[in-house]
Each structure stands twice: as C-alpha cells, then as structure tokens.
Amino acid sequence: MPLDEVAALHARTVARLMNAAGLAHAEAERRAVAMVAAALRNDPRLVPHQNDPLKCLVCGGTGREGPPLLPILTPKQWVNLWLCRSACHATFRQQQAARVAELMRSALPASTTIARP
C-alpha cells in the first residue's frame, strides 16, 4: 500500500473531523489515527496470501489433531483465511495490527502518536 495514500487518508480524516465535528486539530489527529488504523485493517490489499488453505496461516497446523480450522472472513470477496482457534487467531490479529501500525509510522509525521498494537 502506498505511503502517500495512507498520509492522504489521514489528512482527509483530520480535516473532516475538524470541519464536521468541530474538533481542535490535536484531538482530530488523535481520533483520525484510530479511524485510519481501522480502515487499513479492513483494506483488501493488506490481506495476507495463504498458500495452503488446509493448514493454519499462523502455525501451519492441519486441525486434524485438535479443534478444526476456522474460516476468518476478509474484505476480499470469496477469500477466507483458515486459522486454528484462539491462540492463532489472537496472534494473527496482533500481526495485522503491527503491520498497520508500522505502515502508519512510515507514512505519517514523527509527531503523530501511533499506539503500539
């Protein structure tokens, strides 16, 4: 995902919050970070490719020896990711949050506070 696109999305969101909600710049910027992070987590371009849908994306397990693999919906139509329950799902969410945070840290000014996932 292009960094300039992330920066532009953030700038538009800040402007919208300042104009529509009447927020001060600092508060609009703080809220915009959370809104942009949520939008990026749902961006189809950030959905990882799963080479083998018969194995967990995170641990590579097959689901035969324990609970079955579960399909995780993605923003890509007709594309699911297959994960083990609980621990692998939590790990996947943390990995995606870390990817989004790193993307935002790279795209936004250093003065912008981006929470650690």
PDB file of N, CA and C in Angstrom:
ATOM      1  N   MET A   1       0.852  -1.171   0.000  1.00  0.00           N
ATOM      2  CA  MET A   1       0.000   0.000   0.000  1.00  0.00           C
ATOM      3  C   MET A   1       0.900   1.238   0.000  1.00  0.00           C
ATOM      4  N   PRO A   2       0.648   2.171  -0.890  1.00  0.00           N
ATOM      5  CA  PRO A   2       1.482   3.377  -0.977  1.00  0.00           C
ATOM      6  C   PRO A   2       1.386   4.243   0.286  1.00  0.00           C
ATOM      7  N   LEU A   3       2.541   4.685   0.753  1.00  0.00           N
ATOM      8  CA  LEU A   3       2.580   5.511   1.964  1.00  0.00           C
ATOM      9  C   LEU A   3       1.862   6.836   1.775  1.00  0.00           C
ATOM     10  N   ASP A   4       1.956   7.394   0.573  1.00  0.00           N
ATOM     11  CA  ASP A   4       1.281   8.676   0.337  1.00  0.00           C
ATOM     12  C   ASP A   4      -0.230   8.526   0.412  1.00  0.00           C
ATOM     13  N   GLU A   5      -0.735   7.361   0.088  1.00  0.00           N
ATOM     14  CA  GLU A   5      -2.178   7.116   0.201  1.00  0.00           C
ATOM     15  C   GLU A   5      -2.611   7.082   1.669  1.00  0.00           C
ATOM     16  N   VAL A   6      -1.781   6.482   2.515  1.00  0.00           N
ATOM     17  CA  VAL A   6      -2.076   6.448   3.952  1.00  0.00           C
ATOM     18  C   VAL A   6      -2.043   7.863   4.524  1.00  0.00           C
ATOM     19  N   ALA A   7      -1.022   8.624   4.145  1.00  0.00           N
ATOM     20  CA  ALA A   7      -0.906  10.005   4.630  1.00  0.00           C
ATOM     21  C   ALA A   7      -2.092  10.846   4.172  1.00  0.00           C
ATOM     22  N   ALA A   8      -2.518  10.662   2.923  1.00  0.00           N
ATOM     23  CA  ALA A   8      -3.655  11.422   2.398  1.00  0.00           C
ATOM     24  C   ALA A   8      -4.947  11.048   3.121  1.00  0.00           C
ATOM     25  N   LEU A   9      -5.134   9.763   3.392  1.00  0.00           N
ATOM     26  CA  LEU A   9      -6.321   9.315   4.125  1.00  0.00           C
ATOM     27  C   LEU A   9      -6.339   9.934   5.517  1.00  0.00           C
ATOM     28  N   HIS A  10      -5.201   9.966   6.161  1.00  0.00           N
ATOM     29  CA  HIS A  10      -5.115  10.574   7.493  1.00  0.00           C
ATOM     30  C   HIS A  10      -5.443  12.064   7.434  1.00  0.00           C
ATOM     31  N   ALA A  11      -4.860  12.767   6.459  1.00  0.00           N
ATOM     32  CA  ALA A  11      -5.103  14.216   6.334  1.00  0.00           C
ATOM     33  C   ALA A  11      -6.577  14.501   6.058  1.00  0.00           C
ATOM     34  N   ARG A  12      -7.202  13.714   5.179  1.00  0.00           N
ATOM     35  CA  ARG A  12      -8.638  13.913   4.892  1.00  0.00           C
ATOM     36  C   ARG A  12      -9.478  13.646   6.134  1.00  0.00           C
ATOM     37  N   THR A  13      -9.112  12.629   6.899  1.00  0.00           N
ATOM     38  CA  THR A  13      -9.875  12.290   8.100  1.00  0.00           C
ATOM     39  C   THR A  13      -9.739  13.393   9.145  1.00  0.00           C
ATOM     40  N   VAL A  14      -8.539  13.927   9.319  1.00  0.00           N
ATOM     41  CA  VAL A  14      -8.334  15.037  10.263  1.00  0.00           C
ATOM     42  C   VAL A  14      -9.183  16.232   9.838  1.00  0.00           C
ATOM     43  N   ALA A  15      -9.123  16.578   8.564  1.00  0.00           N
ATOM     44  CA  ALA A  15      -9.896  17.727   8.067  1.00  0.00           C
ATOM     45  C   ALA A  15     -11.389  17.510   8.267  1.00  0.00           C
ATOM     46  N   ARG A  16     -11.865  16.311   7.987  1.00  0.00           N
ATOM     47  CA  ARG A  16     -13.287  16.015   8.153  1.00  0.00           C
ATOM     48  C   ARG A  16     -13.701  16.140   9.612  1.00  0.00           C
ATOM     49  N   LEU A  17     -12.873  15.637  10.527  1.00  0.00           N
ATOM     50  CA  LEU A  17     -13.197  15.735  11.949  1.00  0.00           C
ATOM     51  C   LEU A  17     -13.173  17.179  12.437  1.00  0.00           C
ATOM     52  N   MET A  18     -12.265  17.955  11.924  1.00  0.00           N
ATOM     53  CA  MET A  18     -12.201  19.364  12.330  1.00  0.00           C
ATOM     54  C   MET A  18     -13.397  20.133  11.785  1.00  0.00           C
ATOM     55  N   ASN A  19     -13.766  19.896  10.539  1.00  0.00           N
ATOM     56  CA  ASN A  19     -14.860  20.639   9.912  1.00  0.00           C
ATOM     57  C   ASN A  19     -16.228  20.155  10.365  1.00  0.00           C
ATOM     58  N   ALA A  20     -16.451  18.864  10.318  1.00  0.00           N
ATOM     59  CA  ALA A  20     -17.784  18.330  10.606  1.00  0.00           C
ATOM     60  C   ALA A  20     -18.067  18.243  12.103  1.00  0.00           C
ATOM     61  N   ALA A  21     -17.053  17.866  12.880  1.00  0.00           N
ATOM     62  CA  ALA A  21     -17.280  17.670  14.307  1.00  0.00           C
ATOM     63  C   ALA A  21     -16.798  18.852  15.141  1.00  0.00           C
ATOM     64  N   GLY A  22     -16.108  19.789  14.512  1.00  0.00           N
ATOM     65  CA  GLY A  22     -15.637  20.968  15.222  1.00  0.00           C
ATOM     66  C   GLY A  22     -14.543  20.678  16.235  1.00  0.00           C
ATOM     67  N   LEU A  23     -13.756  19.646  15.990  1.00  0.00           N
ATOM     68  CA  LEU A  23     -12.696  19.293  16.931  1.00  0.00           C
ATOM     69  C   LEU A  23     -11.451  20.141  16.697  1.00  0.00           C
ATOM     70  N   ALA A  24     -10.688  20.338  17.759  1.00  0.00           N
ATOM     71  CA  ALA A  24      -9.386  21.004  17.642  1.00  0.00           C
ATOM     72  C   ALA A  24      -8.442  20.069  16.883  1.00  0.00           C
ATOM     73  N   HIS A  25      -7.418  20.630  16.282  1.00  0.00           N
ATOM     74  CA  HIS A  25      -6.517  19.845  15.439  1.00  0.00           C
ATOM     75  C   HIS A  25      -5.906  18.657  16.190  1.00  0.00           C
ATOM     76  N   ALA A  26      -5.445  18.865  17.405  1.00  0.00           N
ATOM     77  CA  ALA A  26      -4.804  17.779  18.164  1.00  0.00           C
ATOM     78  C   ALA A  26      -5.771  16.624  18.419  1.00  0.00           C
ATOM     79  N   GLU A  27      -6.998  16.948  18.806  1.00  0.00           N
ATOM     80  CA  GLU A  27      -7.996  15.896  19.064  1.00  0.00           C
ATOM     81  C   GLU A  27      -8.409  15.221  17.768  1.00  0.00           C
ATOM     82  N   ALA A  28      -8.570  15.989  16.707  1.00  0.00           N
ATOM     83  CA  ALA A  28      -8.924  15.397  15.408  1.00  0.00           C
ATOM     84  C   ALA A  28      -7.821  14.459  14.927  1.00  0.00           C
ATOM     85  N   GLU A  29      -6.580  14.845  15.119  1.00  0.00           N
ATOM     86  CA  GLU A  29      -5.463  13.994  14.708  1.00  0.00           C
ATOM     87  C   GLU A  29      -5.436  12.702  15.520  1.00  0.00           C
ATOM     88  N   ARG A  30      -5.679  12.811  16.821  1.00  0.00           N
ATOM     89  CA  ARG A  30      -5.694  11.620  17.689  1.00  0.00           C
ATOM     90  C   ARG A  30      -6.780  10.648  17.246  1.00  0.00           C
ATOM     91  N   ARG A  31      -7.973  11.162  16.997  1.00  0.00           N
ATOM     92  CA  ARG A  31      -9.081  10.301  16.575  1.00  0.00           C
ATOM     93  C   ARG A  31      -8.860   9.763  15.169  1.00  0.00           C
ATOM     94  N   ALA A  32      -8.257  10.558  14.310  1.00  0.00           N
ATOM     95  CA  ALA A  32      -8.012  10.133  12.928  1.00  0.00           C
ATOM     96  C   ALA A  32      -7.074   8.937  12.887  1.00  0.00           C
ATOM     97  N   VAL A  33      -6.109   8.894  13.790  1.00  0.00           N
ATOM     98  CA  VAL A  33      -5.183   7.753  13.824  1.00  0.00           C
ATOM     99  C   VAL A  33      -5.963   6.457  14.035  1.00  0.00           C
ATOM    100  N   ALA A  34      -6.882   6.454  14.986  1.00  0.00           N
ATOM    101  CA  ALA A  34      -7.679   5.253  15.251  1.00  0.00           C
ATOM    102  C   ALA A  34      -8.579   4.911  14.062  1.00  0.00           C
ATOM    103  N   MET A  35      -9.166   5.919  13.448  1.00  0.00           N
ATOM    104  CA  MET A  35     -10.062   5.674  12.313  1.00  0.00           C
ATOM    105  C   MET A  35      -9.295   5.141  11.101  1.00  0.00           C
ATOM    106  N   VAL A  36      -8.131   5.698  10.838  1.00  0.00           N
ATOM    107  CA  VAL A  36      -7.325   5.233   9.705  1.00  0.00           C
ATOM    108  C   VAL A  36      -6.822   3.822   9.972  1.00  0.00           C
ATOM    109  N   ALA A  37      -6.410   3.534  11.200  1.00  0.00           N
ATOM    110  CA  ALA A  37      -5.962   2.175  11.536  1.00  0.00           C
ATOM    111  C   ALA A  37      -7.082   1.169  11.295  1.00  0.00           C
ATOM    112  N   ALA A  38      -8.297   1.504  11.685  1.00  0.00           N
ATOM    113  CA  ALA A  38      -9.431   0.602  11.459  1.00  0.00           C
ATOM    114  C   ALA A  38      -9.688   0.407   9.969  1.00  0.00           C
ATOM    115  N   ALA A  39      -9.598   1.483   9.205  1.00  0.00           N
ATOM    116  CA  ALA A  39      -9.802   1.375   7.760  1.00  0.00           C
ATOM    117  C   ALA A  39      -8.725   0.499   7.116  1.00  0.00           C
ATOM    118  N   LEU A  40      -7.491   0.647   7.566  1.00  0.00           N
ATOM    119  CA  LEU A  40      -6.399  -0.145   6.991  1.00  0.00           C
ATOM    120  C   LEU A  40      -6.520  -1.624   7.354  1.00  0.00           C
ATOM    121  N   ARG A  41      -6.985  -1.908   8.564  1.00  0.00           N
ATOM    122  CA  ARG A  41      -7.157  -3.316   8.943  1.00  0.00           C
ATOM    123  C   ARG A  41      -8.217  -3.994   8.079  1.00  0.00           C
ATOM    124  N   ASN A  42      -9.089  -3.199   7.464  1.00  0.00           N
ATOM    125  CA  ASN A  42     -10.125  -3.745   6.588  1.00  0.00           C
ATOM    126  C   ASN A  42      -9.815  -3.525   5.110  1.00  0.00           C
ATOM    127  N   ASP A  43      -8.599  -3.159   4.802  1.00  0.00           N
ATOM    128  CA  ASP A  43      -8.218  -2.926   3.409  1.00  0.00           C
ATOM    129  C   ASP A  43      -7.855  -4.258   2.752  1.00  0.00           C
ATOM    130  N   PRO A  44      -8.480  -4.588   1.629  1.00  0.00           N
ATOM    131  CA  PRO A  44      -8.200  -5.875   0.974  1.00  0.00           C
ATOM    132  C   PRO A  44      -6.739  -6.048   0.567  1.00  0.00           C
ATOM    133  N   ARG A  45      -6.033  -4.949   0.351  1.00  0.00           N
ATOM    134  CA  ARG A  45      -4.635  -5.061  -0.062  1.00  0.00           C
ATOM    135  C   ARG A  45      -3.731  -5.562   1.050  1.00  0.00           C
ATOM    136  N   LEU A  46      -4.197  -5.521   2.284  1.00  0.00           N
ATOM    137  CA  LEU A  46      -3.382  -5.980   3.408  1.00  0.00           C
ATOM    138  C   LEU A  46      -3.741  -7.387   3.867  1.00  0.00           C
ATOM    139  N   VAL A  47      -4.602  -8.070   3.123  1.00  0.00           N
ATOM    140  CA  VAL A  47      -4.940  -9.455   3.443  1.00  0.00           C
ATOM    141  C   VAL A  47      -3.773 -10.340   3.003  1.00  0.00           C
ATOM    142  N   PRO A  48      -3.199 -11.110   3.930  1.00  0.00           N
ATOM    143  CA  PRO A  48      -2.085 -11.964   3.543  1.00  0.00           C
ATOM    144  C   PRO A  48      -2.545 -13.110   2.643  1.00  0.00           C
ATOM    145  N   HIS A  49      -1.617 -13.609   1.847  1.00  0.00           N
ATOM    146  CA  HIS A  49      -1.916 -14.748   0.982  1.00  0.00           C
ATOM    147  C   HIS A  49      -1.683 -16.032   1.772  1.00  0.00           C
ATOM    148  N   GLN A  50      -2.622 -16.943   1.714  1.00  0.00           N
ATOM    149  CA  GLN A  50      -2.484 -18.231   2.387  1.00  0.00           C
ATOM    150  C   GLN A  50      -2.186 -19.283   1.328  1.00  0.00           C
ATOM    151  N   ASN A  51      -0.965 -19.813   1.351  1.00  0.00           N
ATOM    152  CA  ASN A  51      -0.545 -20.782   0.338  1.00  0.00           C
ATOM    153  C   ASN A  51      -1.360 -22.066   0.386  1.00  0.00           C
ATOM    154  N   ASP A  52      -1.623 -22.558   1.583  1.00  0.00           N
ATOM    155  CA  ASP A  52      -2.329 -23.831   1.728  1.00  0.00           C
ATOM    156  C   ASP A  52      -3.523 -23.644   2.658  1.00  0.00           C
ATOM    157  N   PRO A  53      -4.730 -23.600   2.118  1.00  0.00           N
ATOM    158  CA  PRO A  53      -5.905 -23.380   2.972  1.00  0.00           C
ATOM    159  C   PRO A  53      -6.240 -24.581   3.868  1.00  0.00           C
ATOM    160  N   LEU A  54      -5.499 -25.658   3.711  1.00  0.00           N
ATOM    161  CA  LEU A  54      -5.708 -26.813   4.581  1.00  0.00           C
ATOM    162  C   LEU A  54      -4.818 -26.767   5.823  1.00  0.00           C
ATOM    163  N   LYS A  55      -4.002 -25.701   5.923  1.00  0.00           N
ATOM    164  CA  LYS A  55      -3.123 -25.516   7.079  1.00  0.00           C
ATOM    165  C   LYS A  55      -3.349 -24.125   7.657  1.00  0.00           C
ATOM    166  N   CYS A  56      -3.247 -24.037   8.978  1.00  0.00           N
ATOM    167  CA  CYS A  56      -3.406 -22.754   9.671  1.00  0.00           C
ATOM    168  C   CYS A  56      -2.391 -21.749   9.133  1.00  0.00           C
ATOM    169  N   LEU A  57      -2.855 -20.554   8.866  1.00  0.00           N
ATOM    170  CA  LEU A  57      -1.994 -19.491   8.360  1.00  0.00           C
ATOM    171  C   LEU A  57      -0.869 -19.156   9.334  1.00  0.00           C
ATOM    172  N   VAL A  58      -1.128 -19.275  10.628  1.00  0.00           N
ATOM    173  CA  VAL A  58      -0.153 -18.873  11.644  1.00  0.00           C
ATOM    174  C   VAL A  58       0.791 -20.005  12.017  1.00  0.00           C
ATOM    175  N   CYS A  59       0.257 -21.152  12.412  1.00  0.00           N
ATOM    176  CA  CYS A  59       1.107 -22.220  12.952  1.00  0.00           C
ATOM    177  C   CYS A  59       1.358 -23.369  11.965  1.00  0.00           C
ATOM    178  N   GLY A  60       0.588 -23.415  10.886  1.00  0.00           N
ATOM    179  CA  GLY A  60       0.765 -24.492   9.912  1.00  0.00           C
ATOM    180  C   GLY A  60       0.083 -25.791  10.290  1.00  0.00           C
ATOM    181  N   GLY A  61      -0.634 -25.793  11.413  1.00  0.00           N
ATOM    182  CA  GLY A  61      -1.358 -26.998  11.827  1.00  0.00           C
ATOM    183  C   GLY A  61      -2.501 -27.308  10.877  1.00  0.00           C
ATOM    184  N   THR A  62      -2.912 -28.589  10.861  1.00  0.00           N
ATOM    185  CA  THR A  62      -3.958 -29.010   9.930  1.00  0.00           C
ATOM    186  C   THR A  62      -5.339 -29.039  10.558  1.00  0.00           C
ATOM    187  N   GLY A  63      -5.423 -28.947  11.870  1.00  0.00           N
ATOM    188  CA  GLY A  63      -6.720 -29.010  12.522  1.00  0.00           C
ATOM    189  C   GLY A  63      -7.207 -30.428  12.715  1.00  0.00           C
ATOM    190  N   ARG A  64      -6.417 -31.413  12.323  1.00  0.00           N
ATOM    191  CA  ARG A  64      -6.836 -32.816  12.479  1.00  0.00           C
ATOM    192  C   ARG A  64      -6.614 -33.319  13.897  1.00  0.00           C
ATOM    193  N   GLU A  65      -5.546 -32.839  14.528  1.00  0.00           N
ATOM    194  CA  GLU A  65      -5.199 -33.333  15.855  1.00  0.00           C
ATOM    195  C   GLU A  65      -5.935 -32.612  16.983  1.00  0.00           C
ATOM    196  N   GLY A  66      -6.622 -31.555  16.687  1.00  0.00           N
ATOM    197  CA  GLY A  66      -7.338 -30.793  17.701  1.00  0.00           C
ATOM    198  C   GLY A  66      -8.580 -30.190  17.092  1.00  0.00           C
ATOM    199  N   PRO A  67      -8.967 -29.025  17.589  1.00  0.00           N
ATOM    200  CA  PRO A  67     -10.134 -28.353  17.015  1.00  0.00           C
ATOM    201  C   PRO A  67      -9.903 -28.052  15.529  1.00  0.00           C
ATOM    202  N   PRO A  68     -10.945 -28.067  14.749  1.00  0.00           N
ATOM    203  CA  PRO A  68     -10.791 -27.820  13.309  1.00  0.00           C
ATOM    204  C   PRO A  68     -10.389 -26.367  13.025  1.00  0.00           C
ATOM    205  N   LEU A  69      -9.852 -26.167  11.831  1.00  0.00           N
ATOM    206  CA  LEU A  69      -9.532 -24.816  11.393  1.00  0.00           C
ATOM    207  C   LEU A  69     -10.819 -24.039  11.171  1.00  0.00           C
ATOM    208  N   LEU A  70     -10.780 -22.773  11.456  1.00  0.00           N
ATOM    209  CA  LEU A  70     -11.956 -21.920  11.296  1.00  0.00           C
ATOM    210  C   LEU A  70     -11.720 -20.915  10.182  1.00  0.00           C
ATOM    211  N   PRO A  71     -12.739 -20.659   9.364  1.00  0.00           N
ATOM    212  CA  PRO A  71     -12.581 -19.635   8.325  1.00  0.00           C
ATOM    213  C   PRO A  71     -12.722 -18.247   8.926  1.00  0.00           C
ATOM    214  N   ILE A  72     -11.801 -17.375   8.567  1.00  0.00           N
ATOM    215  CA  ILE A  72     -11.834 -15.987   9.014  1.00  0.00           C
ATOM    216  C   ILE A  72     -12.188 -15.135   7.800  1.00  0.00           C
ATOM    217  N   LEU A  73     -13.243 -14.373   7.897  1.00  0.00           N
ATOM    218  CA  LEU A  73     -13.666 -13.528   6.783  1.00  0.00           C
ATOM    219  C   LEU A  73     -12.645 -12.437   6.524  1.00  0.00           C
ATOM    220  N   THR A  74     -12.506 -12.070   5.269  1.00  0.00           N
ATOM    221  CA  THR A  74     -11.622 -10.976   4.882  1.00  0.00           C
ATOM    222  C   THR A  74     -12.422  -9.988   4.046  1.00  0.00           C
ATOM    223  N   PRO A  75     -11.877  -8.796   3.818  1.00  0.00           N
ATOM    224  CA  PRO A  75     -12.589  -7.844   2.962  1.00  0.00           C
ATOM    225  C   PRO A  75     -12.535  -8.204   1.482  1.00  0.00           C
ATOM    226  N   LYS A  76     -11.793  -9.254   1.127  1.00  0.00           N
ATOM    227  CA  LYS A  76     -11.770  -9.721  -0.264  1.00  0.00           C
ATOM    228  C   LYS A  76     -12.929 -10.686  -0.469  1.00  0.00           C
ATOM    229  N   GLN A  77     -13.709 -10.451  -1.497  1.00  0.00           N
ATOM    230  CA  GLN A  77     -14.854 -11.310  -1.755  1.00  0.00           C
ATOM    231  C   GLN A  77     -14.389 -12.728  -2.083  1.00  0.00           C
ATOM    232  N   TRP A  78     -15.008 -13.705  -1.469  1.00  0.00           N
ATOM    233  CA  TRP A  78     -14.759 -15.125  -1.663  1.00  0.00           C
ATOM    234  C   TRP A  78     -13.399 -15.578  -1.153  1.00  0.00           C
ATOM    235  N   VAL A  79     -12.765 -14.780  -0.299  1.00  0.00           N
ATOM    236  CA  VAL A  79     -11.467 -15.170   0.266  1.00  0.00           C
ATOM    237  C   VAL A  79     -11.590 -15.263   1.778  1.00  0.00           C
ATOM    238  N   ASN A  80     -11.335 -16.440   2.301  1.00  0.00           N
ATOM    239  CA  ASN A  80     -11.259 -16.656   3.739  1.00  0.00           C
ATOM    240  C   ASN A  80      -9.832 -17.036   4.084  1.00  0.00           C
ATOM    241  N   LEU A  81      -9.439 -16.769   5.316  1.00  0.00           N
ATOM    242  CA  LEU A  81      -8.191 -17.286   5.841  1.00  0.00           C
ATOM    243  C   LEU A  81      -8.549 -18.375   6.832  1.00  0.00           C
ATOM    244  N   TRP A  82      -7.746 -19.395   6.909  1.00  0.00           N
ATOM    245  CA  TRP A  82      -8.033 -20.516   7.786  1.00  0.00           C
ATOM    246  C   TRP A  82      -7.046 -20.520   8.940  1.00  0.00           C
ATOM    247  N   LEU A  83      -7.596 -20.485  10.159  1.00  0.00           N
ATOM    248  CA  LEU A  83      -6.783 -20.396  11.368  1.00  0.00           C
ATOM    249  C   LEU A  83      -7.279 -21.369  12.419  1.00  0.00           C
ATOM    250  N   CYS A  84      -6.341 -21.774  13.304  1.00  0.00           N
ATOM    251  CA  CYS A  84      -6.736 -22.515  14.497  1.00  0.00           C
ATOM    252  C   CYS A  84      -7.496 -21.551  15.402  1.00  0.00           C
ATOM    253  N   ARG A  85      -8.225 -22.100  16.327  1.00  0.00           N
ATOM    254  CA  ARG A  85      -8.955 -21.241  17.260  1.00  0.00           C
ATOM    255  C   ARG A  85      -8.025 -20.541  18.229  1.00  0.00           C
ATOM    256  N   SER A  86      -8.509 -19.566  18.879  1.00  0.00           N
ATOM    257  CA  SER A  86      -7.946 -18.768  19.976  1.00  0.00           C
ATOM    258  C   SER A  86      -6.519 -18.280  19.760  1.00  0.00           C
ATOM    259  N   ALA A  87      -5.509 -19.058  20.134  1.00  0.00           N
ATOM    260  CA  ALA A  87      -4.132 -18.544  20.138  1.00  0.00           C
ATOM    261  C   ALA A  87      -3.694 -18.081  18.751  1.00  0.00           C
ATOM    262  N   CYS A  88      -3.948 -18.856  17.735  1.00  0.00           N
ATOM    263  CA  CYS A  88      -3.535 -18.466  16.381  1.00  0.00           C
ATOM    264  C   CYS A  88      -4.353 -17.272  15.881  1.00  0.00           C
ATOM    265  N   HIS A  89      -5.620 -17.238  16.231  1.00  0.00           N
ATOM    266  CA  HIS A  89      -6.457 -16.102  15.828  1.00  0.00           C
ATOM    267  C   HIS A  89      -5.947 -14.830  16.506  1.00  0.00           C
ATOM    268  N   ALA A  90      -5.632 -14.911  17.790  1.00  0.00           N
ATOM    269  CA  ALA A  90      -5.115 -13.753  18.516  1.00  0.00           C
ATOM    270  C   ALA A  90      -3.763 -13.320  17.939  1.00  0.00           C
ATOM    271  N   THR A  91      -2.918 -14.285  17.615  1.00  0.00           N
ATOM    272  CA  THR A  91      -1.613 -13.976  17.020  1.00  0.00           C
ATOM    273  C   THR A  91      -1.794 -13.289  15.679  1.00  0.00           C
ATOM    274  N   PHE A  92      -2.705 -13.791  14.858  1.00  0.00           N
ATOM    275  CA  PHE A  92      -2.960 -13.193  13.554  1.00  0.00           C
ATOM    276  C   PHE A  92      -3.425 -11.741  13.705  1.00  0.00           C
ATOM    277  N   ARG A  93      -4.341 -11.494  14.628  1.00  0.00           N
ATOM    278  CA  ARG A  93      -4.833 -10.128  14.850  1.00  0.00           C
ATOM    279  C   ARG A  93      -3.709  -9.211  15.308  1.00  0.00           C
ATOM    280  N   GLN A  94      -2.833  -9.699  16.169  1.00  0.00           N
ATOM    281  CA  GLN A  94      -1.696  -8.900  16.618  1.00  0.00           C
ATOM    282  C   GLN A  94      -0.739  -8.607  15.467  1.00  0.00           C
ATOM    283  N   GLN A  95      -0.511  -9.604  14.610  1.00  0.00           N
ATOM    284  CA  GLN A  95       0.371  -9.408  13.457  1.00  0.00           C
ATOM    285  C   GLN A  95      -0.196  -8.356  12.511  1.00  0.00           C
ATOM    286  N   GLN A  96      -1.493  -8.430  12.247  1.00  0.00           N
ATOM    287  CA  GLN A  96      -2.121  -7.452  11.364  1.00  0.00           C
ATOM    288  C   GLN A  96      -2.080  -6.053  11.978  1.00  0.00           C
ATOM    289  N   ALA A  97      -2.344  -5.957  13.277  1.00  0.00           N
ATOM    290  CA  ALA A  97      -2.290  -4.660  13.950  1.00  0.00           C
ATOM    291  C   ALA A  97      -0.873  -4.092  13.889  1.00  0.00           C
ATOM    292  N   ALA A  98       0.132  -4.935  14.040  1.00  0.00           N
ATOM    293  CA  ALA A  98       1.525  -4.490  13.961  1.00  0.00           C
ATOM    294  C   ALA A  98       1.866  -4.022  12.546  1.00  0.00           C
ATOM    295  N   ARG A  99       1.368  -4.726  11.528  1.00  0.00           N
ATOM    296  CA  ARG A  99       1.594  -4.311  10.140  1.00  0.00           C
ATOM    297  C   ARG A  99       0.997  -2.934   9.885  1.00  0.00           C
ATOM    298  N   VAL A 100      -0.227  -2.729  10.356  1.00  0.00           N
ATOM    299  CA  VAL A 100      -0.904  -1.449  10.160  1.00  0.00           C
ATOM    300  C   VAL A 100      -0.173  -0.346  10.913  1.00  0.00           C
ATOM    301  N   ALA A 101       0.240  -0.610  12.145  1.00  0.00           N
ATOM    302  CA  ALA A 101       0.954   0.401  12.929  1.00  0.00           C
ATOM    303  C   ALA A 101       2.273   0.774  12.252  1.00  0.00           C
ATOM    304  N   GLU A 102       2.993  -0.199  11.745  1.00  0.00           N
ATOM    305  CA  GLU A 102       4.262   0.083  11.064  1.00  0.00           C
ATOM    306  C   GLU A 102       4.024   0.886   9.789  1.00  0.00           C
ATOM    307  N   LEU A 103       2.992   0.538   9.056  1.00  0.00           N
ATOM    308  CA  LEU A 103       2.645   1.277   7.843  1.00  0.00           C
ATOM    309  C   LEU A 103       2.323   2.733   8.187  1.00  0.00           C
ATOM    310  N   MET A 104       1.566   2.928   9.246  1.00  0.00           N
ATOM    311  CA  MET A 104       1.201   4.286   9.645  1.00  0.00           C
ATOM    312  C   MET A 104       2.415   5.059  10.161  1.00  0.00           C
ATOM    313  N   ARG A 105       3.299   4.398  10.917  1.00  0.00           N
ATOM    314  CA  ARG A 105       4.514   5.071  11.393  1.00  0.00           C
ATOM    315  C   ARG A 105       5.379   5.518  10.216  1.00  0.00           C
ATOM    316  N   SER A 106       5.409   4.712   9.164  1.00  0.00           N
ATOM    317  CA  SER A 106       6.201   5.055   7.984  1.00  0.00           C
ATOM    318  C   SER A 106       5.569   6.188   7.179  1.00  0.00           C
ATOM    319  N   ALA A 107       4.247   6.263   7.187  1.00  0.00           N
ATOM    320  CA  ALA A 107       3.544   7.219   6.329  1.00  0.00           C
ATOM    321  C   ALA A 107       3.277   8.568   6.989  1.00  0.00           C
ATOM    322  N   LEU A 108       3.119   8.577   8.292  1.00  0.00           N
ATOM    323  CA  LEU A 108       2.709   9.805   8.977  1.00  0.00           C
ATOM    324  C   LEU A 108       3.903  10.497   9.622  1.00  0.00           C
ATOM    325  N   PRO A 109       3.778  11.790   9.894  1.00  0.00           N
ATOM    326  CA  PRO A 109       4.884  12.519  10.526  1.00  0.00           C
ATOM    327  C   PRO A 109       5.251  11.915  11.880  1.00  0.00           C
ATOM    328  N   ALA A 110       6.511  12.069  12.245  1.00  0.00           N
ATOM    329  CA  ALA A 110       7.007  11.504  13.508  1.00  0.00           C
ATOM    330  C   ALA A 110       6.262  12.078  14.710  1.00  0.00           C
ATOM    331  N   SER A 111       5.693  13.259  14.577  1.00  0.00           N
ATOM    332  CA  SER A 111       4.967  13.879  15.688  1.00  0.00           C
ATOM    333  C   SER A 111       3.619  13.212  15.951  1.00  0.00           C
ATOM    334  N   THR A 112       3.151  12.400  15.017  1.00  0.00           N
ATOM    335  CA  THR A 112       1.857  11.722  15.178  1.00  0.00           C
ATOM    336  C   THR A 112       2.020  10.534  16.109  1.00  0.00           C
ATOM    337  N   THR A 113       1.209  10.477  17.151  1.00  0.00           N
ATOM    338  CA  THR A 113       1.273   9.390  18.098  1.00  0.00           C
ATOM    339  C   THR A 113       0.471   8.192  17.592  1.00  0.00           C
ATOM    340  N   ILE A 114       1.166   7.071  17.434  1.00  0.00           N
ATOM    341  CA  ILE A 114       0.526   5.846  16.966  1.00  0.00           C
ATOM    342  C   ILE A 114       0.707   4.803  18.046  1.00  0.00           C
ATOM    343  N   ALA A 115      -0.400   4.313  18.563  1.00  0.00           N
ATOM    344  CA  ALA A 115      -0.357   3.357  19.657  1.00  0.00           C
ATOM    345  C   ALA A 115       0.283   2.051  19.221  1.00  0.00           C
ATOM    346  N   ARG A 116       1.020   1.447  20.118  1.00  0.00           N
ATOM    347  CA  ARG A 116       1.592   0.123  19.860  1.00  0.00           C
ATOM    348  C   ARG A 116       0.476  -0.890  19.882  1.00  0.00           C
ATOM    349  N   PRO A 117       0.504  -1.869  18.954  1.00  0.00           N
ATOM    350  CA  PRO A 117      -0.566  -2.887  18.951  1.00  0.00           C
ATOM    351  C   PRO A 117      -0.466  -3.805  20.156  1.00  0.00           C
TER     352      PRO A 117
END
